[in-house]
Amino acid sequence: MNDTAPLWVFGYGSLMWNPEFPFQERVLAKLSGYQRSFCMWSIHHRGSEAHPGLVLALDPATEAECHGLAFSVAPAHKEKTLAELRERELVSSAYLEIWHDVQLADGRLVNAVTYIVDTDHVQYTGALPLERQAEVISSAVGGRGPNTEYLYNTASHLRELGIEDADLDWLTARVQRLTR
């Protein structure tokens, strides 16, 4: 890793609204070949082993694009940021830490650390029907709080950024009806 270059981090879920690391720049960005999907069981942060929740992951999809945010971290904070990200994101080894080229909204192409679901991991759900996702999200709670909070914060932040995600919009409406 170049000691004078910034570290770039791609966020598509909770990293967008709760990065928990210092950054010097935050830019709309897209990653090709992956889709944002509730395809990972959460047994720590948004659920438990007894009652798993669901969290978003980057699921491989050849023609897909995932829109999110890229964060630039100053060289002085790179090592600490990477260590903290690994502690947070790799808690159960269901994510793979992969470096990918990410297209920034201003046209720049940067190599960013990304966390992609390991499709061979036991926590990978594959493509659960949206109704099943809503049922799980509506009742799961983990170490970082209710699964509903994770969904609502992510969907709200995407709307604020002007990023459309029809599945998250549908899930938000459905989960709100289920939890009334």
N, C-alpha and C. Protein backbone atom coordinates (compact mmCIF):
# COMPACT_ATOMS: atom_id res chain seq x y z
N MET A 1 0.85 -1.18 0.00
CA MET A 1 0.00 0.00 0.00
C MET A 1 0.89 1.24 0.00
N ASN A 2 0.63 2.17 -0.88
CA ASN A 2 1.37 3.42 -0.99
C ASN A 2 1.11 4.28 0.25
N ASP A 3 2.18 4.64 0.96
CA ASP A 3 2.03 5.39 2.21
C ASP A 3 1.57 6.83 2.01
N THR A 4 1.74 7.38 0.80
CA THR A 4 1.36 8.78 0.58
C THR A 4 0.00 8.94 -0.09
N ALA A 5 -0.56 7.84 -0.58
CA ALA A 5 -1.87 7.90 -1.24
C ALA A 5 -2.97 7.67 -0.21
N PRO A 6 -4.15 8.27 -0.44
CA PRO A 6 -5.25 8.01 0.49
C PRO A 6 -5.76 6.58 0.35
N LEU A 7 -6.44 6.12 1.35
CA LEU A 7 -7.17 4.85 1.31
C LEU A 7 -8.59 5.19 0.86
N TRP A 8 -9.10 4.44 -0.11
CA TRP A 8 -10.49 4.61 -0.53
C TRP A 8 -11.30 3.44 -0.01
N VAL A 9 -12.50 3.72 0.51
CA VAL A 9 -13.41 2.72 1.04
C VAL A 9 -14.75 2.89 0.34
N PHE A 10 -15.32 1.80 -0.19
CA PHE A 10 -16.63 1.85 -0.83
C PHE A 10 -17.69 1.40 0.17
N GLY A 11 -18.70 2.26 0.36
CA GLY A 11 -19.80 1.96 1.27
C GLY A 11 -21.11 1.88 0.52
N TYR A 12 -21.90 0.88 0.83
CA TYR A 12 -23.18 0.65 0.14
C TYR A 12 -24.32 0.37 1.12
N GLY A 13 -23.99 0.21 2.40
CA GLY A 13 -24.98 -0.07 3.45
C GLY A 13 -24.70 0.84 4.63
N SER A 14 -24.47 0.26 5.79
CA SER A 14 -24.29 1.07 7.00
C SER A 14 -23.03 1.94 6.97
N LEU A 15 -22.05 1.58 6.18
CA LEU A 15 -20.86 2.45 6.07
C LEU A 15 -21.24 3.83 5.52
N MET A 16 -22.32 3.91 4.75
CA MET A 16 -22.74 5.20 4.19
C MET A 16 -23.22 6.15 5.29
N TRP A 17 -23.96 5.64 6.25
CA TRP A 17 -24.52 6.50 7.29
C TRP A 17 -23.83 6.38 8.64
N ASN A 18 -22.91 5.43 8.77
CA ASN A 18 -22.20 5.26 10.02
C ASN A 18 -20.78 4.73 9.74
N PRO A 19 -19.95 5.53 9.07
CA PRO A 19 -18.63 5.00 8.69
C PRO A 19 -17.72 4.68 9.87
N GLU A 20 -17.81 5.43 10.94
CA GLU A 20 -17.00 5.22 12.14
C GLU A 20 -15.50 5.37 11.90
N PHE A 21 -15.11 6.12 10.88
CA PHE A 21 -13.70 6.41 10.65
C PHE A 21 -13.59 7.82 10.08
N PRO A 22 -12.46 8.47 10.30
CA PRO A 22 -12.30 9.83 9.77
C PRO A 22 -12.05 9.78 8.26
N PHE A 23 -12.71 10.65 7.53
CA PHE A 23 -12.49 10.70 6.09
C PHE A 23 -12.30 12.14 5.66
N GLN A 24 -11.57 12.31 4.56
CA GLN A 24 -11.32 13.66 4.06
C GLN A 24 -12.21 14.01 2.87
N GLU A 25 -12.79 12.99 2.26
CA GLU A 25 -13.65 13.21 1.10
C GLU A 25 -14.71 12.11 1.07
N ARG A 26 -15.93 12.49 0.65
CA ARG A 26 -17.04 11.56 0.51
C ARG A 26 -17.68 11.85 -0.83
N VAL A 27 -17.71 10.85 -1.73
CA VAL A 27 -18.13 11.07 -3.11
C VAL A 27 -19.10 9.96 -3.53
N LEU A 28 -20.16 10.34 -4.24
CA LEU A 28 -21.02 9.32 -4.85
C LEU A 28 -20.17 8.45 -5.76
N ALA A 29 -20.45 7.15 -5.76
CA ALA A 29 -19.62 6.22 -6.52
C ALA A 29 -20.44 5.00 -6.95
N LYS A 30 -19.90 4.26 -7.92
CA LYS A 30 -20.56 3.01 -8.32
C LYS A 30 -19.52 1.93 -8.53
N LEU A 31 -19.95 0.72 -8.24
CA LEU A 31 -19.13 -0.47 -8.41
C LEU A 31 -19.86 -1.38 -9.37
N SER A 32 -19.21 -1.77 -10.44
CA SER A 32 -19.83 -2.63 -11.45
C SER A 32 -19.62 -4.11 -11.11
N GLY A 33 -20.61 -4.93 -11.50
CA GLY A 33 -20.51 -6.37 -11.33
C GLY A 33 -21.08 -6.90 -10.02
N TYR A 34 -21.70 -6.00 -9.24
CA TYR A 34 -22.28 -6.40 -7.95
C TYR A 34 -23.59 -5.66 -7.73
N GLN A 35 -24.47 -6.28 -6.94
CA GLN A 35 -25.71 -5.62 -6.54
C GLN A 35 -25.80 -5.61 -5.02
N ARG A 36 -26.40 -4.55 -4.49
CA ARG A 36 -26.67 -4.44 -3.06
C ARG A 36 -27.82 -5.41 -2.78
N SER A 37 -27.67 -6.27 -1.78
CA SER A 37 -28.69 -7.27 -1.52
C SER A 37 -28.69 -7.70 -0.06
N PHE A 38 -29.88 -7.91 0.50
CA PHE A 38 -30.00 -8.50 1.84
C PHE A 38 -29.79 -10.01 1.68
N CYS A 39 -28.54 -10.40 1.50
CA CYS A 39 -28.22 -11.80 1.21
C CYS A 39 -27.28 -12.41 2.25
N MET A 40 -27.17 -11.78 3.42
CA MET A 40 -26.30 -12.32 4.45
C MET A 40 -27.02 -12.35 5.80
N TRP A 41 -27.03 -13.54 6.41
CA TRP A 41 -27.57 -13.66 7.76
C TRP A 41 -26.67 -12.89 8.71
N SER A 42 -27.26 -12.14 9.60
CA SER A 42 -26.51 -11.41 10.62
C SER A 42 -26.72 -12.09 11.97
N ILE A 43 -25.64 -12.60 12.52
CA ILE A 43 -25.72 -13.29 13.81
C ILE A 43 -25.02 -12.50 14.91
N HIS A 44 -24.51 -11.32 14.56
CA HIS A 44 -23.82 -10.47 15.53
C HIS A 44 -24.45 -9.08 15.62
N HIS A 45 -24.37 -8.30 14.53
CA HIS A 45 -24.75 -6.89 14.57
C HIS A 45 -26.25 -6.63 14.52
N ARG A 46 -27.00 -7.37 13.71
CA ARG A 46 -28.43 -7.10 13.54
C ARG A 46 -29.30 -8.33 13.75
N GLY A 47 -28.75 -9.31 14.43
CA GLY A 47 -29.47 -10.52 14.77
C GLY A 47 -28.60 -11.33 15.72
N SER A 48 -29.02 -12.54 16.00
CA SER A 48 -28.26 -13.42 16.88
C SER A 48 -28.22 -14.81 16.26
N GLU A 49 -27.45 -15.69 16.84
CA GLU A 49 -27.43 -17.07 16.32
C GLU A 49 -28.80 -17.71 16.47
N ALA A 50 -29.50 -17.40 17.57
CA ALA A 50 -30.83 -17.96 17.79
C ALA A 50 -31.88 -17.34 16.88
N HIS A 51 -31.72 -16.06 16.55
CA HIS A 51 -32.68 -15.34 15.70
C HIS A 51 -31.91 -14.43 14.74
N PRO A 52 -31.38 -15.01 13.66
CA PRO A 52 -30.57 -14.20 12.73
C PRO A 52 -31.38 -13.09 12.06
N GLY A 53 -30.69 -11.98 11.83
CA GLY A 53 -31.25 -10.90 11.03
C GLY A 53 -30.65 -10.98 9.63
N LEU A 54 -30.83 -9.92 8.87
CA LEU A 54 -30.26 -9.83 7.53
C LEU A 54 -29.51 -8.53 7.39
N VAL A 55 -28.37 -8.57 6.74
CA VAL A 55 -27.62 -7.36 6.42
C VAL A 55 -27.31 -7.36 4.93
N LEU A 56 -27.02 -6.17 4.45
CA LEU A 56 -26.70 -6.00 3.04
C LEU A 56 -25.29 -6.50 2.75
N ALA A 57 -25.13 -6.97 1.54
CA ALA A 57 -23.82 -7.38 1.06
C ALA A 57 -23.77 -7.09 -0.44
N LEU A 58 -22.58 -7.06 -0.95
CA LEU A 58 -22.39 -6.97 -2.40
C LEU A 58 -22.43 -8.39 -2.94
N ASP A 59 -23.46 -8.68 -3.72
CA ASP A 59 -23.68 -10.00 -4.29
C ASP A 59 -23.27 -9.95 -5.77
N PRO A 60 -22.40 -10.85 -6.22
CA PRO A 60 -21.97 -10.82 -7.62
C PRO A 60 -23.16 -10.91 -8.58
N ALA A 61 -23.16 -10.04 -9.59
CA ALA A 61 -24.19 -10.03 -10.64
C ALA A 61 -23.57 -9.35 -11.84
N THR A 62 -23.31 -10.08 -12.87
CA THR A 62 -22.52 -9.63 -14.02
C THR A 62 -22.92 -8.27 -14.57
N GLU A 63 -24.19 -8.03 -14.79
CA GLU A 63 -24.64 -6.79 -15.42
C GLU A 63 -25.02 -5.69 -14.42
N ALA A 64 -24.86 -5.95 -13.16
CA ALA A 64 -25.33 -5.01 -12.12
C ALA A 64 -24.34 -3.89 -11.86
N GLU A 65 -24.87 -2.84 -11.24
CA GLU A 65 -24.06 -1.73 -10.70
C GLU A 65 -24.62 -1.41 -9.33
N CYS A 66 -23.74 -1.24 -8.38
CA CYS A 66 -24.16 -0.83 -7.05
C CYS A 66 -23.71 0.60 -6.83
N HIS A 67 -24.67 1.47 -6.53
CA HIS A 67 -24.36 2.87 -6.27
C HIS A 67 -24.28 3.09 -4.77
N GLY A 68 -23.26 3.81 -4.36
CA GLY A 68 -23.04 4.08 -2.95
C GLY A 68 -22.12 5.27 -2.78
N LEU A 69 -21.27 5.21 -1.76
CA LEU A 69 -20.33 6.29 -1.48
C LEU A 69 -18.91 5.74 -1.41
N ALA A 70 -17.98 6.54 -1.87
CA ALA A 70 -16.56 6.24 -1.69
C ALA A 70 -16.00 7.28 -0.72
N PHE A 71 -15.27 6.80 0.26
CA PHE A 71 -14.66 7.66 1.27
C PHE A 71 -13.15 7.63 1.09
N SER A 72 -12.55 8.80 1.12
CA SER A 72 -11.10 8.93 1.05
C SER A 72 -10.58 9.15 2.48
N VAL A 73 -9.63 8.30 2.88
CA VAL A 73 -9.05 8.38 4.21
C VAL A 73 -7.61 8.86 4.08
N ALA A 74 -7.24 9.87 4.85
CA ALA A 74 -5.89 10.43 4.80
C ALA A 74 -4.85 9.37 5.13
N PRO A 75 -3.67 9.48 4.52
CA PRO A 75 -2.61 8.50 4.76
C PRO A 75 -2.32 8.24 6.24
N ALA A 76 -2.39 9.27 7.06
CA ALA A 76 -2.09 9.11 8.49
C ALA A 76 -3.10 8.21 9.21
N HIS A 77 -4.28 8.01 8.63
CA HIS A 77 -5.33 7.22 9.28
C HIS A 77 -5.58 5.87 8.60
N LYS A 78 -4.81 5.55 7.56
CA LYS A 78 -5.09 4.34 6.77
C LYS A 78 -5.01 3.06 7.59
N GLU A 79 -3.91 2.85 8.28
CA GLU A 79 -3.72 1.58 8.99
C GLU A 79 -4.77 1.38 10.08
N LYS A 80 -5.04 2.42 10.86
CA LYS A 80 -6.04 2.32 11.93
C LYS A 80 -7.43 2.08 11.33
N THR A 81 -7.75 2.78 10.25
CA THR A 81 -9.05 2.62 9.60
C THR A 81 -9.22 1.20 9.09
N LEU A 82 -8.21 0.68 8.40
CA LEU A 82 -8.30 -0.69 7.90
C LEU A 82 -8.47 -1.69 9.04
N ALA A 83 -7.74 -1.52 10.11
CA ALA A 83 -7.86 -2.43 11.26
C ALA A 83 -9.27 -2.39 11.84
N GLU A 84 -9.82 -1.18 11.98
CA GLU A 84 -11.17 -1.05 12.53
C GLU A 84 -12.23 -1.60 11.57
N LEU A 85 -12.05 -1.37 10.27
CA LEU A 85 -12.99 -1.93 9.30
C LEU A 85 -12.97 -3.45 9.35
N ARG A 86 -11.78 -4.02 9.45
CA ARG A 86 -11.68 -5.49 9.51
C ARG A 86 -12.34 -6.04 10.75
N GLU A 87 -12.19 -5.35 11.86
CA GLU A 87 -12.84 -5.81 13.10
C GLU A 87 -14.36 -5.76 12.96
N ARG A 88 -14.85 -4.72 12.33
CA ARG A 88 -16.30 -4.53 12.16
C ARG A 88 -16.88 -5.45 11.09
N GLU A 89 -16.26 -5.49 9.92
CA GLU A 89 -16.84 -6.18 8.77
C GLU A 89 -16.50 -7.66 8.69
N LEU A 90 -15.39 -8.07 9.25
CA LEU A 90 -14.96 -9.46 9.12
C LEU A 90 -15.20 -10.26 10.40
N VAL A 91 -16.16 -9.82 11.21
CA VAL A 91 -16.44 -10.43 12.50
C VAL A 91 -16.73 -11.93 12.38
N SER A 92 -17.36 -12.36 11.31
CA SER A 92 -17.67 -13.79 11.16
C SER A 92 -17.13 -14.38 9.86
N SER A 93 -16.30 -13.64 9.16
CA SER A 93 -15.68 -14.09 7.90
C SER A 93 -16.68 -14.35 6.78
N ALA A 94 -17.87 -13.77 6.88
CA ALA A 94 -18.85 -13.92 5.81
C ALA A 94 -18.61 -12.93 4.66
N TYR A 95 -17.87 -11.86 4.95
CA TYR A 95 -17.46 -10.92 3.91
C TYR A 95 -16.03 -11.25 3.49
N LEU A 96 -15.75 -10.96 2.25
CA LEU A 96 -14.38 -11.01 1.73
C LEU A 96 -13.93 -9.58 1.52
N GLU A 97 -12.72 -9.27 1.94
CA GLU A 97 -12.16 -7.94 1.71
C GLU A 97 -11.48 -7.97 0.34
N ILE A 98 -12.05 -7.21 -0.59
CA ILE A 98 -11.56 -7.20 -1.97
C ILE A 98 -11.30 -5.75 -2.38
N TRP A 99 -10.25 -5.53 -3.13
CA TRP A 99 -9.96 -4.21 -3.68
C TRP A 99 -10.48 -4.17 -5.11
N HIS A 100 -11.34 -3.18 -5.38
CA HIS A 100 -11.97 -3.04 -6.70
C HIS A 100 -11.84 -1.61 -7.19
N ASP A 101 -11.82 -1.47 -8.51
CA ASP A 101 -11.92 -0.14 -9.09
C ASP A 101 -13.36 0.34 -8.94
N VAL A 102 -13.50 1.55 -8.46
CA VAL A 102 -14.79 2.18 -8.22
C VAL A 102 -14.82 3.49 -9.00
N GLN A 103 -15.91 3.72 -9.72
CA GLN A 103 -16.08 4.94 -10.51
C GLN A 103 -16.72 6.02 -9.65
N LEU A 104 -16.02 7.13 -9.45
CA LEU A 104 -16.56 8.24 -8.68
C LEU A 104 -17.45 9.09 -9.57
N ALA A 105 -18.39 9.79 -8.97
CA ALA A 105 -19.34 10.62 -9.73
C ALA A 105 -18.65 11.70 -10.54
N ASP A 106 -17.46 12.13 -10.11
CA ASP A 106 -16.74 13.16 -10.86
C ASP A 106 -15.86 12.58 -11.96
N GLY A 107 -15.98 11.28 -12.21
CA GLY A 107 -15.26 10.65 -13.31
C GLY A 107 -13.98 9.92 -12.91
N ARG A 108 -13.46 10.21 -11.74
CA ARG A 108 -12.24 9.52 -11.31
C ARG A 108 -12.51 8.03 -11.09
N LEU A 109 -11.48 7.25 -11.33
CA LEU A 109 -11.52 5.82 -11.06
C LEU A 109 -10.51 5.57 -9.94
N VAL A 110 -10.98 5.00 -8.82
CA VAL A 110 -10.10 4.75 -7.69
C VAL A 110 -10.18 3.27 -7.30
N ASN A 111 -9.12 2.78 -6.71
CA ASN A 111 -9.10 1.42 -6.20
C ASN A 111 -9.51 1.49 -4.74
N ALA A 112 -10.64 0.86 -4.40
CA ALA A 112 -11.20 0.98 -3.06
C ALA A 112 -11.34 -0.39 -2.40
N VAL A 113 -11.21 -0.39 -1.09
CA VAL A 113 -11.49 -1.61 -0.34
C VAL A 113 -13.01 -1.78 -0.30
N THR A 114 -13.46 -3.00 -0.56
CA THR A 114 -14.88 -3.32 -0.56
C THR A 114 -15.09 -4.59 0.25
N TYR A 115 -16.29 -4.75 0.76
CA TYR A 115 -16.63 -5.97 1.50
C TYR A 115 -17.76 -6.67 0.77
N ILE A 116 -17.40 -7.83 0.21
CA ILE A 116 -18.26 -8.60 -0.68
C ILE A 116 -18.64 -9.90 0.01
N VAL A 117 -19.85 -10.36 -0.16
CA VAL A 117 -20.29 -11.60 0.48
C VAL A 117 -19.50 -12.79 -0.08
N ASP A 118 -19.14 -13.68 0.81
CA ASP A 118 -18.54 -14.95 0.42
C ASP A 118 -19.70 -15.90 0.13
N THR A 119 -19.96 -16.17 -1.13
CA THR A 119 -21.12 -16.98 -1.52
C THR A 119 -20.99 -18.44 -1.08
N ASP A 120 -19.83 -18.84 -0.58
CA ASP A 120 -19.65 -20.19 -0.05
C ASP A 120 -19.81 -20.24 1.47
N HIS A 121 -20.01 -19.10 2.10
CA HIS A 121 -20.11 -19.03 3.56
C HIS A 121 -21.53 -19.43 4.00
N VAL A 122 -21.62 -20.04 5.17
CA VAL A 122 -22.90 -20.50 5.71
C VAL A 122 -23.89 -19.34 5.93
N GLN A 123 -23.40 -18.11 6.10
CA GLN A 123 -24.29 -16.98 6.32
C GLN A 123 -24.86 -16.40 5.01
N TYR A 124 -24.40 -16.88 3.88
CA TYR A 124 -24.93 -16.40 2.59
C TYR A 124 -26.32 -17.00 2.39
N THR A 125 -27.30 -16.15 2.11
CA THR A 125 -28.68 -16.62 1.97
C THR A 125 -29.07 -16.91 0.53
N GLY A 126 -28.30 -16.40 -0.43
CA GLY A 126 -28.76 -16.45 -1.80
C GLY A 126 -29.90 -15.46 -1.96
N ALA A 127 -30.72 -15.67 -2.93
CA ALA A 127 -31.80 -14.72 -3.23
C ALA A 127 -33.07 -15.10 -2.47
N LEU A 128 -33.19 -14.59 -1.25
CA LEU A 128 -34.43 -14.80 -0.50
C LEU A 128 -35.54 -13.93 -1.09
N PRO A 129 -36.76 -14.43 -1.14
CA PRO A 129 -37.87 -13.58 -1.60
C PRO A 129 -38.00 -12.35 -0.71
N LEU A 130 -38.42 -11.24 -1.28
CA LEU A 130 -38.56 -9.99 -0.53
C LEU A 130 -39.48 -10.14 0.68
N GLU A 131 -40.55 -10.89 0.53
CA GLU A 131 -41.47 -11.07 1.67
C GLU A 131 -40.75 -11.76 2.82
N ARG A 132 -39.94 -12.75 2.55
CA ARG A 132 -39.17 -13.44 3.61
C ARG A 132 -38.16 -12.49 4.24
N GLN A 133 -37.52 -11.66 3.42
CA GLN A 133 -36.60 -10.66 3.95
C GLN A 133 -37.32 -9.74 4.93
N ALA A 134 -38.50 -9.29 4.55
CA ALA A 134 -39.27 -8.38 5.40
C ALA A 134 -39.64 -9.04 6.72
N GLU A 135 -40.03 -10.30 6.68
CA GLU A 135 -40.38 -11.03 7.91
C GLU A 135 -39.18 -11.10 8.86
N VAL A 136 -38.01 -11.41 8.33
CA VAL A 136 -36.80 -11.52 9.15
C VAL A 136 -36.43 -10.16 9.73
N ILE A 137 -36.35 -9.15 8.87
CA ILE A 137 -35.92 -7.81 9.28
C ILE A 137 -36.86 -7.22 10.33
N SER A 138 -38.15 -7.51 10.22
CA SER A 138 -39.13 -6.90 11.12
C SER A 138 -38.97 -7.33 12.57
N SER A 139 -38.28 -8.44 12.84
CA SER A 139 -38.24 -8.92 14.22
C SER A 139 -36.84 -9.17 14.78
N ALA A 140 -35.80 -9.12 13.98
CA ALA A 140 -34.45 -9.45 14.46
C ALA A 140 -33.80 -8.26 15.17
N VAL A 141 -32.99 -8.59 16.18
CA VAL A 141 -32.24 -7.59 16.95
C VAL A 141 -30.87 -8.17 17.24
N GLY A 142 -29.83 -7.34 17.10
CA GLY A 142 -28.47 -7.80 17.38
C GLY A 142 -27.71 -6.81 18.23
N GLY A 143 -26.40 -6.99 18.30
CA GLY A 143 -25.55 -6.17 19.14
C GLY A 143 -25.53 -4.70 18.79
N ARG A 144 -25.81 -4.35 17.54
CA ARG A 144 -25.86 -2.95 17.12
C ARG A 144 -27.28 -2.42 17.03
N GLY A 145 -28.26 -3.23 17.45
CA GLY A 145 -29.63 -2.76 17.48
C GLY A 145 -30.57 -3.53 16.58
N PRO A 146 -31.80 -3.01 16.43
CA PRO A 146 -32.82 -3.69 15.63
C PRO A 146 -32.47 -3.71 14.15
N ASN A 147 -32.84 -4.81 13.51
CA ASN A 147 -32.63 -4.94 12.08
C ASN A 147 -33.42 -3.89 11.31
N THR A 148 -34.57 -3.48 11.86
CA THR A 148 -35.38 -2.45 11.21
C THR A 148 -34.60 -1.13 11.11
N GLU A 149 -33.88 -0.78 12.16
CA GLU A 149 -33.09 0.45 12.16
C GLU A 149 -32.07 0.45 11.02
N TYR A 150 -31.41 -0.68 10.83
CA TYR A 150 -30.43 -0.83 9.75
C TYR A 150 -31.09 -0.59 8.38
N LEU A 151 -32.23 -1.23 8.16
CA LEU A 151 -32.97 -1.05 6.91
C LEU A 151 -33.39 0.40 6.74
N TYR A 152 -34.05 0.98 7.75
CA TYR A 152 -34.58 2.34 7.63
C TYR A 152 -33.47 3.36 7.40
N ASN A 153 -32.37 3.25 8.14
CA ASN A 153 -31.27 4.19 7.97
C ASN A 153 -30.65 4.09 6.59
N THR A 154 -30.47 2.88 6.11
CA THR A 154 -29.87 2.71 4.79
C THR A 154 -30.79 3.25 3.70
N ALA A 155 -32.06 2.88 3.74
CA ALA A 155 -33.02 3.34 2.73
C ALA A 155 -33.15 4.86 2.76
N SER A 156 -33.21 5.43 3.94
CA SER A 156 -33.33 6.89 4.08
C SER A 156 -32.09 7.59 3.51
N HIS A 157 -30.94 7.06 3.81
CA HIS A 157 -29.71 7.69 3.32
C HIS A 157 -29.61 7.59 1.80
N LEU A 158 -30.01 6.46 1.24
CA LEU A 158 -30.00 6.32 -0.21
C LEU A 158 -30.91 7.37 -0.85
N ARG A 159 -32.10 7.56 -0.28
CA ARG A 159 -33.04 8.57 -0.82
C ARG A 159 -32.42 9.96 -0.75
N GLU A 160 -31.78 10.29 0.40
CA GLU A 160 -31.14 11.61 0.56
C GLU A 160 -30.06 11.83 -0.49
N LEU A 161 -29.37 10.77 -0.86
CA LEU A 161 -28.29 10.87 -1.85
C LEU A 161 -28.80 10.83 -3.29
N GLY A 162 -30.10 10.57 -3.46
CA GLY A 162 -30.67 10.46 -4.80
C GLY A 162 -30.39 9.13 -5.47
N ILE A 163 -30.10 8.10 -4.66
CA ILE A 163 -29.82 6.76 -5.19
C ILE A 163 -31.10 5.94 -5.08
N GLU A 164 -31.56 5.44 -6.21
CA GLU A 164 -32.78 4.63 -6.22
C GLU A 164 -32.46 3.17 -5.93
N ASP A 165 -33.28 2.57 -5.08
CA ASP A 165 -33.17 1.14 -4.80
C ASP A 165 -34.59 0.65 -4.52
N ALA A 166 -35.22 0.12 -5.56
CA ALA A 166 -36.62 -0.28 -5.47
C ALA A 166 -36.85 -1.36 -4.41
N ASP A 167 -35.92 -2.30 -4.28
CA ASP A 167 -36.08 -3.37 -3.28
C ASP A 167 -36.08 -2.80 -1.87
N LEU A 168 -35.17 -1.90 -1.57
CA LEU A 168 -35.12 -1.31 -0.23
C LEU A 168 -36.36 -0.46 0.05
N ASP A 169 -36.86 0.24 -0.98
CA ASP A 169 -38.09 1.02 -0.80
C ASP A 169 -39.27 0.09 -0.49
N TRP A 170 -39.36 -1.02 -1.23
CA TRP A 170 -40.44 -1.98 -0.99
C TRP A 170 -40.31 -2.58 0.41
N LEU A 171 -39.08 -2.99 0.77
CA LEU A 171 -38.85 -3.57 2.09
C LEU A 171 -39.21 -2.60 3.21
N THR A 172 -38.84 -1.35 3.04
CA THR A 172 -39.15 -0.34 4.06
C THR A 172 -40.65 -0.25 4.28
N ALA A 173 -41.40 -0.14 3.21
CA ALA A 173 -42.86 -0.03 3.33
C ALA A 173 -43.46 -1.30 3.95
N ARG A 174 -42.97 -2.45 3.52
CA ARG A 174 -43.52 -3.72 4.01
C ARG A 174 -43.18 -3.92 5.49
N VAL A 175 -41.94 -3.65 5.88
CA VAL A 175 -41.53 -3.82 7.27
C VAL A 175 -42.30 -2.85 8.17
N GLN A 176 -42.53 -1.64 7.71
CA GLN A 176 -43.33 -0.69 8.49
C GLN A 176 -44.74 -1.24 8.73
N ARG A 177 -45.33 -1.87 7.72
CA ARG A 177 -46.66 -2.46 7.90
C ARG A 177 -46.61 -3.64 8.87
N LEU A 178 -45.57 -4.45 8.79
CA LEU A 178 -45.44 -5.62 9.66
C LEU A 178 -45.20 -5.25 11.13
N THR A 179 -44.61 -4.09 11.36
CA THR A 179 -44.25 -3.73 12.74
C THR A 179 -45.23 -2.76 13.39
N ARG A 180 -46.33 -2.46 12.73
CA ARG A 180 -47.35 -1.56 13.32
C ARG A 180 -48.06 -2.23 14.45
